[in-house]
Amino acid sequence: MKTALVTGADGFIGSHLVEMLHARGYQVRALSYYNSFNDWGWLEQSACLKDLDVWNGDIRDPHYCIELTKGVDVVFNLAALIGIPYSYTAPDTYVDVNIRGTVNICQGARLNGVGRLVHASTSEVYGTAKYAPIDEKHPLQPQSPYSASKIGAESMALSFHNAFQLPVTVARPFNTYGPRQSARAVIPTIISQIAAGKSSIKLGDPTPTRDFNFVEDTCLGFIELAECEQAIGQVVNIGSNTEISIGDTFELICRLMQAEVVMETDQQRARPANSEVFRLKCDNALIKSLTGYEPKYSLEQGLRKTIDWFTRPENLRRYKADIYNV
C-alpha cells in the first residue's frame, strides 16, 4: 500500500483529494494547519477520518517539513494561501506560505527520497488569455500578488526537478468548485446568498469567463498525474476545455435553484484595472494524451451536486450566509 501525503488536507480541494486517495487504497497522511482549537477543518466531517494519519503543522517551518515527508511515497502539495483580494493587502504572507512553504516541502521530499511530488498551482498564473484555449506554453502573467506567488512556487518546484532530479509534476487546475469551497469564491457566494433568501445577489464584474471544474474532476487529475511516469518534469493543465461568463453562471444557478433574484455589481469585489483576469479556457490536450483524463461532470451536473450540499441547513450555517463574504 502506497503512502500519500496531502498538504492542505483540511481545505476544500485537499479534503476531497484525501477521500479519493483513501477510496483508491492509499494510506493517507493528511496535514492540517496547526491551530489552538486542534481543528482539522473539513477532515472533521470525513467518513474516512478514522483511517487517516492526521498531522498538525505549518509548511512554513523547514524542520517540520523534513519530518512530515519521511516515509511517504508521493506528496500532493496543496497547502497554500488562497484568495486574490487578500493578496493585495498581505503580499508578504503569500510569499511566506506559497513560495517558502513550497521550497520547504520540496526540500523535505528531496532529503527523504520521496518517489513523486505533485505540486498544485493554478490557472491564475496565465492571467487574461492571450489566446484560447490556453495550453501550457501560454505566457505567465502575474496580475495579482496571489498569482505571482503561485508562479514563484511552481518555479521553485520545477527547479528541484531540474537541479536535484526530484520527480515533480506541476498541475495547473482551472477554477475548481464544489462542496466545501470558500464562500469568497463566486459559485458558493451565489448559491449561499440565494439559499439565505437574498433578493439581490452581490457580485463583481459579470463579464469575465472561466473554465469551471467540479472538485472530483480536479482531484482525479491530480491522482492520474501522480500515477503517470511521463508527467514527471512537466507542467500540466487540469480543465474541461469549456468556458462560461460569470453572468451566465449566475443565470444558470438561478435556474437550477428556481430563484428569482437580481444581480448587483459590487465594487468591493472588483479587481484593480490591470489585475482582472477576463478570460480563462483550458486546453486539456496534454493531460488527455498523458493519462487519458476525461472530466466526469458537466457544469450543470456539478452545480446540482454543489447546490444540494450548500442548501443543507447544517452546511449553510457554517458559511455565515447572512454576512457578505469578500
C-alpha atoms as a PDB file:
ATOM      1  CA  MET A   1       0.000   0.000   0.000  1.00  0.00           C
ATOM      2  CA  LYS A   2       1.421   3.380  -1.014  1.00  0.00           C
ATOM      3  CA  THR A   3       1.513   6.247   1.466  1.00  0.00           C
ATOM      4  CA  ALA A   4       0.402   9.633   0.164  1.00  0.00           C
ATOM      5  CA  LEU A   5       0.971  12.914   1.963  1.00  0.00           C
ATOM      6  CA  VAL A   6      -1.585  15.630   1.246  1.00  0.00           C
ATOM      7  CA  THR A   7      -0.699  19.119   2.458  1.00  0.00           C
ATOM      8  CA  GLY A   8      -3.658  21.453   2.748  1.00  0.00           C
ATOM      9  CA  ALA A   9      -5.710  18.349   3.532  1.00  0.00           C
ATOM     10  CA  ASP A  10      -8.107  20.243   5.788  1.00  0.00           C
ATOM     11  CA  GLY A  11      -9.174  22.590   2.997  1.00  0.00           C
ATOM     12  CA  PHE A  12     -11.667  22.457   0.145  1.00  0.00           C
ATOM     13  CA  ILE A  13      -9.811  20.544  -2.570  1.00  0.00           C
ATOM     14  CA  GLY A  14      -7.441  18.808  -0.158  1.00  0.00           C
ATOM     15  CA  SER A  15     -10.206  17.126   1.836  1.00  0.00           C
ATOM     16  CA  HIS A  16     -11.787  15.763  -1.344  1.00  0.00           C
ATOM     17  CA  LEU A  17      -8.398  14.523  -2.548  1.00  0.00           C
ATOM     18  CA  VAL A  18      -7.811  12.742   0.770  1.00  0.00           C
ATOM     19  CA  GLU A  19     -11.124  10.921   0.418  1.00  0.00           C
ATOM     20  CA  MET A  20     -10.446   9.933  -3.183  1.00  0.00           C
ATOM     21  CA  LEU A  21      -6.967   8.627  -2.343  1.00  0.00           C
ATOM     22  CA  HIS A  22      -8.368   6.640   0.575  1.00  0.00           C
ATOM     23  CA  ALA A  23     -11.010   5.123  -1.700  1.00  0.00           C
ATOM     24  CA  ARG A  24      -8.250   4.077  -4.097  1.00  0.00           C
ATOM     25  CA  GLY A  25      -6.387   2.194  -1.388  1.00  0.00           C
ATOM     26  CA  TYR A  26      -3.722   4.709  -0.390  1.00  0.00           C
ATOM     27  CA  GLN A  27      -2.608   5.148   3.206  1.00  0.00           C
ATOM     28  CA  VAL A  28      -3.082   8.890   3.635  1.00  0.00           C
ATOM     29  CA  ARG A  29      -1.054  11.250   5.802  1.00  0.00           C
ATOM     30  CA  ALA A  30      -3.109  14.434   5.993  1.00  0.00           C
ATOM     31  CA  LEU A  31      -1.545  17.748   7.008  1.00  0.00           C
ATOM     32  CA  SER A  32      -3.903  20.096   8.826  1.00  0.00           C
ATOM     33  CA  TYR A  33      -2.832  23.647   9.648  1.00  0.00           C
ATOM     34  CA  TYR A  34      -1.753  23.887  13.295  1.00  0.00           C
ATOM     35  CA  ASN A  35      -4.213  25.907  15.387  1.00  0.00           C
ATOM     36  CA  SER A  36      -5.160  26.379  19.020  1.00  0.00           C
ATOM     37  CA  PHE A  37      -8.536  24.670  18.571  1.00  0.00           C
ATOM     38  CA  ASN A  38      -6.969  21.443  17.256  1.00  0.00           C
ATOM     39  CA  ASP A  39      -9.484  21.789  14.433  1.00  0.00           C
ATOM     40  CA  TRP A  40      -8.929  19.633  11.346  1.00  0.00           C
ATOM     41  CA  GLY A  41     -11.113  21.684   9.026  1.00  0.00           C
ATOM     42  CA  TRP A  42     -13.177  19.702   6.531  1.00  0.00           C
ATOM     43  CA  LEU A  43     -11.468  16.476   7.608  1.00  0.00           C
ATOM     44  CA  GLU A  44     -13.614  16.583  10.756  1.00  0.00           C
ATOM     45  CA  GLN A  45     -16.628  15.559   8.650  1.00  0.00           C
ATOM     46  CA  SER A  46     -14.850  12.932   6.575  1.00  0.00           C
ATOM     47  CA  ALA A  47     -16.199   9.394   6.645  1.00  0.00           C
ATOM     48  CA  CYS A  48     -12.640   8.068   6.402  1.00  0.00           C
ATOM     49  CA  LEU A  49     -11.227  10.172   9.269  1.00  0.00           C
ATOM     50  CA  LYS A  50     -10.527   7.151  11.488  1.00  0.00           C
ATOM     51  CA  ASP A  51      -8.250   5.700   8.803  1.00  0.00           C
ATOM     52  CA  LEU A  52      -6.190   8.859   8.300  1.00  0.00           C
ATOM     53  CA  ASP A  53      -2.805   9.745   9.756  1.00  0.00           C
ATOM     54  CA  VAL A  54      -3.526  13.390  10.614  1.00  0.00           C
ATOM     55  CA  TRP A  55      -0.614  15.708  11.327  1.00  0.00           C
ATOM     56  CA  ASN A  56      -0.900  19.276  12.590  1.00  0.00           C
ATOM     57  CA  GLY A  57       1.722  21.726  11.406  1.00  0.00           C
ATOM     58  CA  ASP A  58       2.793  24.505   9.072  1.00  0.00           C
ATOM     59  CA  ILE A  59       4.694  24.217   5.786  1.00  0.00           C
ATOM     60  CA  ARG A  60       6.491  27.472   6.610  1.00  0.00           C
ATOM     61  CA  ASP A  61       8.751  25.577   9.016  1.00  0.00           C
ATOM     62  CA  PRO A  62      11.562  23.765   7.151  1.00  0.00           C
ATOM     63  CA  HIS A  63      12.422  21.469  10.065  1.00  0.00           C
ATOM     64  CA  TYR A  64       8.820  20.339  10.362  1.00  0.00           C
ATOM     65  CA  CYS A  65       8.600  19.618   6.640  1.00  0.00           C
ATOM     66  CA  ILE A  66      11.573  17.267   6.828  1.00  0.00           C
ATOM     67  CA  GLU A  67       9.769  15.218   9.489  1.00  0.00           C
ATOM     68  CA  LEU A  68       6.461  15.457   7.628  1.00  0.00           C
ATOM     69  CA  THR A  69       7.815  13.949   4.411  1.00  0.00           C
ATOM     70  CA  LYS A  70       9.554  10.947   5.986  1.00  0.00           C
ATOM     71  CA  GLY A  71       8.213   7.563   4.928  1.00  0.00           C
ATOM     72  CA  VAL A  72       5.848   8.698   2.178  1.00  0.00           C
ATOM     73  CA  ASP A  73       5.767   7.583  -1.452  1.00  0.00           C
ATOM     74  CA  VAL A  74       4.000  10.544  -3.024  1.00  0.00           C
ATOM     75  CA  VAL A  75       3.337  14.127  -1.955  1.00  0.00           C
ATOM     76  CA  PHE A  76       0.403  16.221  -3.123  1.00  0.00           C
ATOM     77  CA  ASN A  77       1.333  19.785  -2.186  1.00  0.00           C
ATOM     78  CA  LEU A  78      -1.953  21.679  -1.954  1.00  0.00           C
ATOM     79  CA  ALA A  79      -1.176  23.821   1.100  1.00  0.00           C
ATOM     80  CA  ALA A  80      -1.361  27.467   0.062  1.00  0.00           C
ATOM     81  CA  LEU A  81      -2.778  30.820   0.984  1.00  0.00           C
ATOM     82  CA  ILE A  82      -5.620  31.394  -1.466  1.00  0.00           C
ATOM     83  CA  GLY A  83      -7.853  34.327  -2.333  1.00  0.00           C
ATOM     84  CA  ILE A  84      -6.914  37.169  -4.629  1.00  0.00           C
ATOM     85  CA  PRO A  85      -8.408  40.189  -2.771  1.00  0.00           C
ATOM     86  CA  TYR A  86      -6.431  39.477   0.423  1.00  0.00           C
ATOM     87  CA  SER A  87      -3.200  39.265  -1.573  1.00  0.00           C
ATOM     88  CA  TYR A  88      -3.483  42.968  -2.417  1.00  0.00           C
ATOM     89  CA  THR A  89      -3.083  43.875   1.262  1.00  0.00           C
ATOM     90  CA  ALA A  90      -0.962  40.972   2.551  1.00  0.00           C
ATOM     91  CA  PRO A  91       1.539  40.066  -0.196  1.00  0.00           C
ATOM     92  CA  ASP A  92       4.323  39.124   2.233  1.00  0.00           C
ATOM     93  CA  THR A  93       2.180  36.380   3.710  1.00  0.00           C
ATOM     94  CA  TYR A  94       1.590  34.913   0.251  1.00  0.00           C
ATOM     95  CA  VAL A  95       5.341  34.774  -0.334  1.00  0.00           C
ATOM     96  CA  ASP A  96       5.902  33.103   3.040  1.00  0.00           C
ATOM     97  CA  VAL A  97       3.269  30.410   2.586  1.00  0.00           C
ATOM     98  CA  ASN A  98       3.165  29.790  -1.140  1.00  0.00           C
ATOM     99  CA  ILE A  99       6.809  30.186  -2.144  1.00  0.00           C
ATOM    100  CA  ARG A 100       8.805  29.460   1.004  1.00  0.00           C
ATOM    101  CA  GLY A 101       6.374  26.734   2.027  1.00  0.00           C
ATOM    102  CA  THR A 102       6.792  25.025  -1.336  1.00  0.00           C
ATOM    103  CA  VAL A 103      10.584  25.173  -1.009  1.00  0.00           C
ATOM    104  CA  ASN A 104      10.317  23.509   2.400  1.00  0.00           C
ATOM    105  CA  ILE A 105       8.115  20.693   1.086  1.00  0.00           C
ATOM    106  CA  CYS A 106      10.410  20.131  -1.895  1.00  0.00           C
ATOM    107  CA  GLN A 107      13.492  20.084   0.307  1.00  0.00           C
ATOM    108  CA  GLY A 108      11.888  17.602   2.688  1.00  0.00           C
ATOM    109  CA  ALA A 109      10.820  15.397  -0.230  1.00  0.00           C
ATOM    110  CA  ARG A 110      14.313  15.555  -1.695  1.00  0.00           C
ATOM    111  CA  LEU A 111      16.082  14.686   1.549  1.00  0.00           C
ATOM    112  CA  ASN A 112      13.699  11.798   2.242  1.00  0.00           C
ATOM    113  CA  GLY A 113      13.761  10.298  -1.256  1.00  0.00           C
ATOM    114  CA  VAL A 114      10.052  10.772  -1.976  1.00  0.00           C
ATOM    115  CA  GLY A 115       9.086   8.989  -5.206  1.00  0.00           C
ATOM    116  CA  ARG A 116       6.666  11.581  -6.636  1.00  0.00           C
ATOM    117  CA  LEU A 117       5.605  15.144  -5.883  1.00  0.00           C
ATOM    118  CA  VAL A 118       2.565  16.763  -7.478  1.00  0.00           C
ATOM    119  CA  HIS A 119       2.544  20.495  -6.851  1.00  0.00           C
ATOM    120  CA  ALA A 120      -0.809  22.261  -7.153  1.00  0.00           C
ATOM    121  CA  SER A 121      -0.541  25.562  -8.983  1.00  0.00           C
ATOM    122  CA  THR A 122      -3.456  27.457 -10.580  1.00  0.00           C
ATOM    123  CA  SER A 123      -4.737  28.763 -13.903  1.00  0.00           C
ATOM    124  CA  GLU A 124      -4.400  32.256 -12.410  1.00  0.00           C
ATOM    125  CA  VAL A 125      -0.710  32.140 -13.379  1.00  0.00           C
ATOM    126  CA  TYR A 126      -1.762  32.651 -17.007  1.00  0.00           C
ATOM    127  CA  GLY A 127      -3.599  35.919 -16.378  1.00  0.00           C
ATOM    128  CA  THR A 128      -6.037  37.066 -19.049  1.00  0.00           C
ATOM    129  CA  ALA A 129      -5.856  34.719 -22.022  1.00  0.00           C
ATOM    130  CA  LYS A 130      -3.738  35.991 -24.906  1.00  0.00           C
ATOM    131  CA  TYR A 131      -5.205  33.096 -26.872  1.00  0.00           C
ATOM    132  CA  ALA A 132      -7.732  30.398 -26.055  1.00  0.00           C
ATOM    133  CA  PRO A 133      -7.911  27.622 -25.233  1.00  0.00           C
ATOM    134  CA  ILE A 134      -4.860  28.116 -23.013  1.00  0.00           C
ATOM    135  CA  ASP A 135      -2.154  25.472 -23.301  1.00  0.00           C
ATOM    136  CA  GLU A 136       0.864  25.031 -21.041  1.00  0.00           C
ATOM    137  CA  LYS A 137       3.054  27.184 -23.318  1.00  0.00           C
ATOM    138  CA  HIS A 138       0.894  30.258 -22.742  1.00  0.00           C
ATOM    139  CA  PRO A 139       2.882  33.166 -21.222  1.00  0.00           C
ATOM    140  CA  LEU A 140       2.675  33.597 -17.455  1.00  0.00           C
ATOM    141  CA  GLN A 141       1.302  36.940 -16.255  1.00  0.00           C
ATOM    142  CA  PRO A 142       1.499  37.898 -12.564  1.00  0.00           C
ATOM    143  CA  GLN A 143      -1.636  40.044 -12.480  1.00  0.00           C
ATOM    144  CA  SER A 144      -2.018  39.816  -8.685  1.00  0.00           C
ATOM    145  CA  PRO A 145       0.310  39.127  -5.756  1.00  0.00           C
ATOM    146  CA  TYR A 146      -1.503  35.798  -5.394  1.00  0.00           C
ATOM    147  CA  SER A 147      -0.750  34.713  -8.960  1.00  0.00           C
ATOM    148  CA  ALA A 148       2.825  35.994  -8.641  1.00  0.00           C
ATOM    149  CA  SER A 149       3.326  33.839  -5.544  1.00  0.00           C
ATOM    150  CA  LYS A 150       1.975  30.794  -7.374  1.00  0.00           C
ATOM    151  CA  ILE A 151       4.300  31.445 -10.322  1.00  0.00           C
ATOM    152  CA  GLY A 152       7.193  31.606  -7.872  1.00  0.00           C
ATOM    153  CA  ALA A 153       6.061  28.439  -6.107  1.00  0.00           C
ATOM    154  CA  GLU A 154       5.792  26.328  -9.242  1.00  0.00           C
ATOM    155  CA  SER A 155       9.138  27.680 -10.462  1.00  0.00           C
ATOM    156  CA  MET A 156      10.772  26.548  -7.228  1.00  0.00           C
ATOM    157  CA  ALA A 157       9.162  23.112  -7.526  1.00  0.00           C
ATOM    158  CA  LEU A 158      10.410  22.718 -11.093  1.00  0.00           C
ATOM    159  CA  SER A 159      13.875  23.891 -10.059  1.00  0.00           C
ATOM    160  CA  PHE A 160      14.073  20.951  -7.647  1.00  0.00           C
ATOM    161  CA  HIS A 161      13.383  18.636 -10.572  1.00  0.00           C
ATOM    162  CA  ASN A 162      15.980  20.291 -12.793  1.00  0.00           C
ATOM    163  CA  ALA A 163      18.689  20.684 -10.151  1.00  0.00           C
ATOM    164  CA  PHE A 164      18.128  17.650  -7.923  1.00  0.00           C
ATOM    165  CA  GLN A 165      16.087  15.216 -10.070  1.00  0.00           C
ATOM    166  CA  LEU A 166      13.147  15.409  -7.665  1.00  0.00           C
ATOM    167  CA  PRO A 167      10.271  13.743  -9.591  1.00  0.00           C
ATOM    168  CA  VAL A 168       7.969  16.765  -9.712  1.00  0.00           C
ATOM    169  CA  THR A 169       4.829  17.429 -11.729  1.00  0.00           C
ATOM    170  CA  VAL A 170       3.207  20.869 -11.630  1.00  0.00           C
ATOM    171  CA  ALA A 171      -0.571  20.748 -12.054  1.00  0.00           C
ATOM    172  CA  ARG A 172      -2.477  23.867 -13.100  1.00  0.00           C
ATOM    173  CA  PRO A 173      -6.160  23.314 -12.303  1.00  0.00           C
ATOM    174  CA  PHE A 174      -8.716  25.713 -13.736  1.00  0.00           C
ATOM    175  CA  ASN A 175     -11.413  27.193 -11.456  1.00  0.00           C
ATOM    176  CA  THR A 176     -12.403  24.310  -9.205  1.00  0.00           C
ATOM    177  CA  TYR A 177     -15.794  24.446  -7.474  1.00  0.00           C
ATOM    178  CA  GLY A 178     -17.904  22.125  -5.351  1.00  0.00           C
ATOM    179  CA  PRO A 179     -18.970  21.265  -1.795  1.00  0.00           C
ATOM    180  CA  ARG A 180     -16.836  22.825   0.985  1.00  0.00           C
ATOM    181  CA  GLN A 181     -15.495  25.660  -1.183  1.00  0.00           C
ATOM    182  CA  SER A 182     -14.926  29.056   0.422  1.00  0.00           C
ATOM    183  CA  ALA A 183     -17.895  31.425   0.235  1.00  0.00           C
ATOM    184  CA  ARG A 184     -15.464  34.018  -1.121  1.00  0.00           C
ATOM    185  CA  ALA A 185     -15.451  32.123  -4.430  1.00  0.00           C
ATOM    186  CA  VAL A 186     -18.047  33.125  -6.987  1.00  0.00           C
ATOM    187  CA  ILE A 187     -20.152  29.949  -7.229  1.00  0.00           C
ATOM    188  CA  PRO A 188     -20.539  29.454  -3.452  1.00  0.00           C
ATOM    189  CA  THR A 189     -21.278  33.140  -2.925  1.00  0.00           C
ATOM    190  CA  ILE A 190     -24.120  32.996  -5.452  1.00  0.00           C
ATOM    191  CA  ILE A 191     -25.547  29.775  -4.010  1.00  0.00           C
ATOM    192  CA  SER A 192     -25.199  30.813  -0.363  1.00  0.00           C
ATOM    193  CA  GLN A 193     -26.771  34.238  -0.905  1.00  0.00           C
ATOM    194  CA  ILE A 194     -29.747  32.704  -2.725  1.00  0.00           C
ATOM    195  CA  ALA A 195     -30.099  29.989  -0.071  1.00  0.00           C
ATOM    196  CA  ALA A 196     -30.087  32.676   2.631  1.00  0.00           C
ATOM    197  CA  GLY A 197     -33.087  34.304   0.975  1.00  0.00           C
ATOM    198  CA  LYS A 198     -31.388  37.319  -0.569  1.00  0.00           C
ATOM    199  CA  SER A 199     -33.352  39.021  -3.345  1.00  0.00           C
ATOM    200  CA  SER A 200     -30.291  40.845  -4.670  1.00  0.00           C
ATOM    201  CA  ILE A 201     -27.012  38.982  -5.187  1.00  0.00           C
ATOM    202  CA  LYS A 202     -23.766  40.944  -4.903  1.00  0.00           C
ATOM    203  CA  LEU A 203     -21.076  40.074  -7.449  1.00  0.00           C
ATOM    204  CA  GLY A 204     -18.097  41.706  -9.109  1.00  0.00           C
ATOM    205  CA  ASP A 205     -17.702  42.076 -12.868  1.00  0.00           C
ATOM    206  CA  PRO A 206     -20.088  39.590 -14.575  1.00  0.00           C
ATOM    207  CA  THR A 207     -18.297  39.611 -17.947  1.00  0.00           C
ATOM    208  CA  PRO A 208     -15.105  37.527 -17.342  1.00  0.00           C
ATOM    209  CA  THR A 209     -15.235  33.892 -18.471  1.00  0.00           C
ATOM    210  CA  ARG A 210     -13.996  30.872 -16.574  1.00  0.00           C
ATOM    211  CA  ASP A 211     -13.412  27.156 -17.163  1.00  0.00           C
ATOM    212  CA  PHE A 212     -15.228  25.705 -14.143  1.00  0.00           C
ATOM    213  CA  ASN A 213     -14.373  22.180 -12.977  1.00  0.00           C
ATOM    214  CA  PHE A 214     -16.098  20.069 -10.351  1.00  0.00           C
ATOM    215  CA  VAL A 215     -13.788  19.261  -7.448  1.00  0.00           C
ATOM    216  CA  GLU A 216     -13.858  15.500  -8.012  1.00  0.00           C
ATOM    217  CA  ASP A 217     -12.616  16.027 -11.570  1.00  0.00           C
ATOM    218  CA  THR A 218      -9.746  18.196 -10.326  1.00  0.00           C
ATOM    219  CA  CYS A 219      -8.755  15.564  -7.752  1.00  0.00           C
ATOM    220  CA  LEU A 220      -8.915  12.844 -10.386  1.00  0.00           C
ATOM    221  CA  GLY A 221      -6.476  14.874 -12.468  1.00  0.00           C
ATOM    222  CA  PHE A 222      -4.042  15.158  -9.554  1.00  0.00           C
ATOM    223  CA  ILE A 223      -4.088  11.406  -8.951  1.00  0.00           C
ATOM    224  CA  GLU A 224      -3.745  10.457 -12.600  1.00  0.00           C
ATOM    225  CA  LEU A 225      -0.730  12.762 -12.920  1.00  0.00           C
ATOM    226  CA  ALA A 226       0.860  11.234  -9.813  1.00  0.00           C
ATOM    227  CA  GLU A 227       0.473   7.778 -11.319  1.00  0.00           C
ATOM    228  CA  CYS A 228       1.896   8.780 -14.726  1.00  0.00           C
ATOM    229  CA  GLU A 229       5.670   8.477 -15.152  1.00  0.00           C
ATOM    230  CA  GLN A 230       5.566  10.526 -18.372  1.00  0.00           C
ATOM    231  CA  ALA A 231       4.272  13.529 -16.398  1.00  0.00           C
ATOM    232  CA  ILE A 232       7.489  13.882 -14.370  1.00  0.00           C
ATOM    233  CA  GLY A 233       9.144  17.237 -15.006  1.00  0.00           C
ATOM    234  CA  GLN A 234       6.089  18.577 -16.804  1.00  0.00           C
ATOM    235  CA  VAL A 235       3.557  21.346 -16.231  1.00  0.00           C
ATOM    236  CA  VAL A 236       0.049  20.063 -16.952  1.00  0.00           C
ATOM    237  CA  ASN A 237      -3.339  21.781 -17.116  1.00  0.00           C
ATOM    238  CA  ILE A 238      -6.411  20.241 -15.491  1.00  0.00           C
ATOM    239  CA  GLY A 239      -9.620  21.562 -17.025  1.00  0.00           C
ATOM    240  CA  SER A 240     -12.649  20.895 -19.178  1.00  0.00           C
ATOM    241  CA  ASN A 241     -11.910  22.893 -22.352  1.00  0.00           C
ATOM    242  CA  THR A 242     -15.127  24.901 -21.853  1.00  0.00           C
ATOM    243  CA  GLU A 243     -15.876  28.456 -20.720  1.00  0.00           C
ATOM    244  CA  ILE A 244     -18.820  30.421 -19.366  1.00  0.00           C
ATOM    245  CA  SER A 245     -19.144  34.011 -18.181  1.00  0.00           C
ATOM    246  CA  ILE A 246     -19.771  34.869 -14.535  1.00  0.00           C
ATOM    247  CA  GLY A 247     -23.080  36.420 -15.565  1.00  0.00           C
ATOM    248  CA  ASP A 248     -24.206  33.282 -17.393  1.00  0.00           C
ATOM    249  CA  THR A 249     -23.083  31.167 -14.434  1.00  0.00           C
ATOM    250  CA  PHE A 250     -25.292  33.327 -12.211  1.00  0.00           C
ATOM    251  CA  GLU A 251     -28.252  32.781 -14.547  1.00  0.00           C
ATOM    252  CA  LEU A 252     -27.655  29.015 -14.632  1.00  0.00           C
ATOM    253  CA  ILE A 253     -27.528  28.765 -10.841  1.00  0.00           C
ATOM    254  CA  CYS A 254     -30.709  30.849 -10.553  1.00  0.00           C
ATOM    255  CA  ARG A 255     -32.459  28.464 -12.952  1.00  0.00           C
ATOM    256  CA  LEU A 256     -31.254  25.363 -11.106  1.00  0.00           C
ATOM    257  CA  MET A 257     -32.334  26.842  -7.754  1.00  0.00           C
ATOM    258  CA  GLN A 258     -35.593  28.184  -9.223  1.00  0.00           C
ATOM    259  CA  ALA A 259     -34.712  31.584  -7.794  1.00  0.00           C
ATOM    260  CA  GLU A 260     -35.933  34.967  -8.997  1.00  0.00           C
ATOM    261  CA  VAL A 261     -33.175  37.311  -7.888  1.00  0.00           C
ATOM    262  CA  VAL A 262     -31.272  40.202  -9.414  1.00  0.00           C
ATOM    263  CA  MET A 263     -27.531  40.683  -9.748  1.00  0.00           C
ATOM    264  CA  GLU A 264     -25.933  43.704  -8.081  1.00  0.00           C
ATOM    265  CA  THR A 265     -22.426  44.721  -9.129  1.00  0.00           C
ATOM    266  CA  ASP A 266     -20.327  45.469  -6.060  1.00  0.00           C
ATOM    267  CA  GLN A 267     -17.062  47.377  -6.320  1.00  0.00           C
ATOM    268  CA  GLN A 268     -15.685  45.570  -3.251  1.00  0.00           C
ATOM    269  CA  ARG A 269     -15.339  42.519  -5.490  1.00  0.00           C
ATOM    270  CA  ALA A 270     -13.812  44.399  -8.424  1.00  0.00           C
ATOM    271  CA  ARG A 271     -10.105  43.870  -9.047  1.00  0.00           C
ATOM    272  CA  PRO A 272      -7.738  46.725  -9.945  1.00  0.00           C
ATOM    273  CA  ALA A 273      -7.884  47.543 -13.656  1.00  0.00           C
ATOM    274  CA  ASN A 274      -4.717  45.682 -14.684  1.00  0.00           C
ATOM    275  CA  SER A 275      -5.352  42.794 -12.303  1.00  0.00           C
ATOM    276  CA  GLU A 276      -8.658  41.422 -13.588  1.00  0.00           C
ATOM    277  CA  VAL A 277      -8.397  38.151 -15.493  1.00  0.00           C
ATOM    278  CA  PHE A 278     -11.019  38.458 -18.212  1.00  0.00           C
ATOM    279  CA  ARG A 279     -10.783  35.068 -19.878  1.00  0.00           C
ATOM    280  CA  LEU A 280      -9.718  31.561 -18.867  1.00  0.00           C
ATOM    281  CA  LYS A 281     -10.367  28.487 -21.001  1.00  0.00           C
ATOM    282  CA  CYS A 282      -8.284  25.346 -20.604  1.00  0.00           C
ATOM    283  CA  ASP A 283      -6.602  23.364 -23.327  1.00  0.00           C
ATOM    284  CA  ASN A 284      -6.550  19.924 -21.707  1.00  0.00           C
ATOM    285  CA  ALA A 285      -4.950  18.051 -24.608  1.00  0.00           C
ATOM    286  CA  LEU A 286      -1.737  17.309 -22.687  1.00  0.00           C
ATOM    287  CA  ILE A 287      -3.322  15.618 -19.677  1.00  0.00           C
ATOM    288  CA  LYS A 288      -5.560  13.653 -22.040  1.00  0.00           C
ATOM    289  CA  SER A 289      -2.577  12.438 -24.039  1.00  0.00           C
ATOM    290  CA  LEU A 290      -0.560  11.568 -20.925  1.00  0.00           C
ATOM    291  CA  THR A 291      -3.242   9.861 -18.844  1.00  0.00           C
ATOM    292  CA  GLY A 292      -6.462   9.561 -20.850  1.00  0.00           C
ATOM    293  CA  TYR A 293      -8.063  12.009 -18.407  1.00  0.00           C
ATOM    294  CA  GLU A 294     -11.674  12.996 -19.045  1.00  0.00           C
ATOM    295  CA  PRO A 295     -13.816  15.153 -16.728  1.00  0.00           C
ATOM    296  CA  LYS A 296     -16.772  13.153 -15.432  1.00  0.00           C
ATOM    297  CA  TYR A 297     -19.105  16.052 -14.609  1.00  0.00           C
ATOM    298  CA  SER A 298     -20.711  18.643 -16.853  1.00  0.00           C
ATOM    299  CA  LEU A 299     -21.119  22.103 -15.317  1.00  0.00           C
ATOM    300  CA  GLU A 300     -24.826  21.541 -14.724  1.00  0.00           C
ATOM    301  CA  GLN A 301     -24.222  18.143 -13.100  1.00  0.00           C
ATOM    302  CA  GLY A 302     -21.540  19.568 -10.820  1.00  0.00           C
ATOM    303  CA  LEU A 303     -23.647  22.590  -9.904  1.00  0.00           C
ATOM    304  CA  ARG A 304     -26.577  20.369  -8.940  1.00  0.00           C
ATOM    305  CA  LYS A 305     -24.364  18.426  -6.518  1.00  0.00           C
ATOM    306  CA  THR A 306     -22.892  21.676  -5.185  1.00  0.00           C
ATOM    307  CA  ILE A 307     -26.299  23.299  -4.689  1.00  0.00           C
ATOM    308  CA  ASP A 308     -27.590  20.191  -2.931  1.00  0.00           C
ATOM    309  CA  TRP A 309     -24.691  20.323  -0.473  1.00  0.00           C
ATOM    310  CA  PHE A 310     -24.755  24.061   0.217  1.00  0.00           C
ATOM    311  CA  THR A 311     -28.507  24.232   0.766  1.00  0.00           C
ATOM    312  CA  ARG A 312     -28.494  21.679   3.565  1.00  0.00           C
ATOM    313  CA  PRO A 313     -29.027  23.730   6.760  1.00  0.00           C
ATOM    314  CA  GLU A 314     -26.138  22.089   8.619  1.00  0.00           C
ATOM    315  CA  ASN A 315     -23.760  23.117   5.834  1.00  0.00           C
ATOM    316  CA  LEU A 316     -25.183  26.553   5.068  1.00  0.00           C
ATOM    317  CA  ARG A 317     -24.886  27.693   8.681  1.00  0.00           C
ATOM    318  CA  ARG A 318     -21.109  27.183   8.522  1.00  0.00           C
ATOM    319  CA  TYR A 319     -20.905  29.832   5.809  1.00  0.00           C
ATOM    320  CA  LYS A 320     -22.401  32.787   7.709  1.00  0.00           C
ATOM    321  CA  ALA A 321     -24.613  33.309   4.664  1.00  0.00           C
ATOM    322  CA  ASP A 322     -26.187  36.373   6.284  1.00  0.00           C
ATOM    323  CA  ILE A 323     -22.775  38.095   6.088  1.00  0.00           C
ATOM    324  CA  TYR A 324     -21.367  39.244   2.762  1.00  0.00           C
ATOM    325  CA  ASN A 325     -18.045  37.472   2.129  1.00  0.00           C
ATOM    326  CA  VAL A 326     -15.468  39.367   0.068  1.00  0.00           C
END
